[in-house]
Amino acid sequence: MSRIHVFYSAMPEMYSGFRPVEAADGYDVEQVVQREFPGAVTATLSERLTDKEQIRQLFADWLDRIFRN
């Protein structure tokens, strides 16, 4: 098991965020989020990415791309 960060955005409720999830791989991480927020758009980060500021910046950039489309 690894600690993997995942971004999620569930519309129309507008639940968005990121969090670490303990899972075997990226697929399992996204399944955890989908159970909590069915239909959410998700993105899984590399388990090697641990810098909190970099994760926050990537999250902001990711949300910006979602809302532009």
C-alpha atoms as a PDB file:
ATOM      1  CA  MET A   1       0.000   0.000   0.000  1.00  0.00           C
ATOM      2  CA  SER A   2       1.134   3.496  -0.830  1.00  0.00           C
ATOM      3  CA  ARG A   3      -0.046   6.941   0.146  1.00  0.00           C
ATOM      4  CA  ILE A   4      -1.180   8.569  -3.104  1.00  0.00           C
ATOM      5  CA  HIS A   5      -2.680  12.045  -3.518  1.00  0.00           C
ATOM      6  CA  VAL A   6      -5.795  12.399  -5.642  1.00  0.00           C
ATOM      7  CA  PHE A   7      -7.590  15.505  -6.890  1.00  0.00           C
ATOM      8  CA  TYR A   8     -11.354  15.423  -7.276  1.00  0.00           C
ATOM      9  CA  SER A   9     -14.116  17.733  -8.434  1.00  0.00           C
ATOM     10  CA  ALA A  10     -17.766  16.692  -8.187  1.00  0.00           C
ATOM     11  CA  MET A  11     -20.227  18.919  -9.989  1.00  0.00           C
ATOM     12  CA  PRO A  12     -22.875  20.307  -9.629  1.00  0.00           C
ATOM     13  CA  GLU A  13     -22.344  20.127  -5.860  1.00  0.00           C
ATOM     14  CA  MET A  14     -18.935  21.731  -6.379  1.00  0.00           C
ATOM     15  CA  TYR A  15     -17.088  19.489  -3.954  1.00  0.00           C
ATOM     16  CA  SER A  16     -13.458  19.842  -4.891  1.00  0.00           C
ATOM     17  CA  GLY A  17     -10.286  19.020  -3.083  1.00  0.00           C
ATOM     18  CA  PHE A  18      -7.300  16.793  -2.799  1.00  0.00           C
ATOM     19  CA  ARG A  19      -6.247  14.274  -0.241  1.00  0.00           C
ATOM     20  CA  PRO A  20      -3.878  11.393   0.335  1.00  0.00           C
ATOM     21  CA  VAL A  21      -5.387   7.914   0.111  1.00  0.00           C
ATOM     22  CA  GLU A  22      -3.788   4.647   1.186  1.00  0.00           C
ATOM     23  CA  ALA A  23      -4.147   2.243  -1.748  1.00  0.00           C
ATOM     24  CA  ALA A  24      -2.300  -0.275  -3.877  1.00  0.00           C
ATOM     25  CA  ASP A  25      -2.281   1.902  -6.996  1.00  0.00           C
ATOM     26  CA  GLY A  26      -3.869   4.873  -8.786  1.00  0.00           C
ATOM     27  CA  TYR A  27      -6.886   2.864  -9.903  1.00  0.00           C
ATOM     28  CA  ASP A  28      -7.734   1.902  -6.315  1.00  0.00           C
ATOM     29  CA  VAL A  29      -7.309   5.516  -5.198  1.00  0.00           C
ATOM     30  CA  GLU A  30      -9.806   6.728  -7.783  1.00  0.00           C
ATOM     31  CA  GLN A  31     -12.277   4.006  -6.763  1.00  0.00           C
ATOM     32  CA  VAL A  32     -12.179   5.285  -3.180  1.00  0.00           C
ATOM     33  CA  VAL A  33     -13.020   8.820  -4.335  1.00  0.00           C
ATOM     34  CA  GLN A  34     -15.719   7.602  -6.752  1.00  0.00           C
ATOM     35  CA  ARG A  35     -17.497   5.809  -3.902  1.00  0.00           C
ATOM     36  CA  GLU A  36     -17.593   9.047  -1.912  1.00  0.00           C
ATOM     37  CA  PHE A  37     -18.276  11.385  -4.865  1.00  0.00           C
ATOM     38  CA  PRO A  38     -19.921   9.374  -7.678  1.00  0.00           C
ATOM     39  CA  GLY A  39     -19.173  10.841 -11.091  1.00  0.00           C
ATOM     40  CA  ALA A  40     -16.388  13.113  -9.855  1.00  0.00           C
ATOM     41  CA  VAL A  41     -13.591  14.088 -12.198  1.00  0.00           C
ATOM     42  CA  THR A  42     -10.371  12.759 -10.683  1.00  0.00           C
ATOM     43  CA  ALA A  43      -6.631  12.932 -11.213  1.00  0.00           C
ATOM     44  CA  THR A  44      -4.126  10.802  -9.349  1.00  0.00           C
ATOM     45  CA  LEU A  45      -0.627  12.069  -8.630  1.00  0.00           C
ATOM     46  CA  SER A  46       2.554  10.061  -8.493  1.00  0.00           C
ATOM     47  CA  GLU A  47       3.168   8.582  -5.064  1.00  0.00           C
ATOM     48  CA  ARG A  48       6.635  10.165  -5.229  1.00  0.00           C
ATOM     49  CA  LEU A  49       5.133  13.681  -5.238  1.00  0.00           C
ATOM     50  CA  THR A  50       4.993  14.783  -1.591  1.00  0.00           C
ATOM     51  CA  ASP A  51       5.779  18.525  -1.595  1.00  0.00           C
ATOM     52  CA  LYS A  52       2.599  20.179  -0.245  1.00  0.00           C
ATOM     53  CA  GLU A  53       3.147  23.510  -2.017  1.00  0.00           C
ATOM     54  CA  GLN A  54       3.706  21.784  -5.355  1.00  0.00           C
ATOM     55  CA  ILE A  55       0.560  19.689  -4.823  1.00  0.00           C
ATOM     56  CA  ARG A  56      -1.480  22.822  -4.050  1.00  0.00           C
ATOM     57  CA  GLN A  57      -0.201  24.567  -7.179  1.00  0.00           C
ATOM     58  CA  LEU A  58      -0.928  21.534  -9.351  1.00  0.00           C
ATOM     59  CA  PHE A  59      -4.434  21.360  -7.855  1.00  0.00           C
ATOM     60  CA  ALA A  60      -5.099  25.037  -8.639  1.00  0.00           C
ATOM     61  CA  ASP A  61      -3.853  24.558 -12.211  1.00  0.00           C
ATOM     62  CA  TRP A  62      -5.947  21.397 -12.601  1.00  0.00           C
ATOM     63  CA  LEU A  63      -9.145  23.122 -11.391  1.00  0.00           C
ATOM     64  CA  ASP A  64      -8.473  26.031 -13.726  1.00  0.00           C
ATOM     65  CA  ARG A  65      -8.298  23.634 -16.682  1.00  0.00           C
ATOM     66  CA  ILE A  66     -11.500  21.849 -15.682  1.00  0.00           C
ATOM     67  CA  PHE A  67     -13.521  25.050 -15.378  1.00  0.00           C
ATOM     68  CA  ARG A  68     -12.233  26.466 -18.661  1.00  0.00           C
ATOM     69  CA  ASN A  69     -13.564  23.482 -20.623  1.00  0.00           C
END
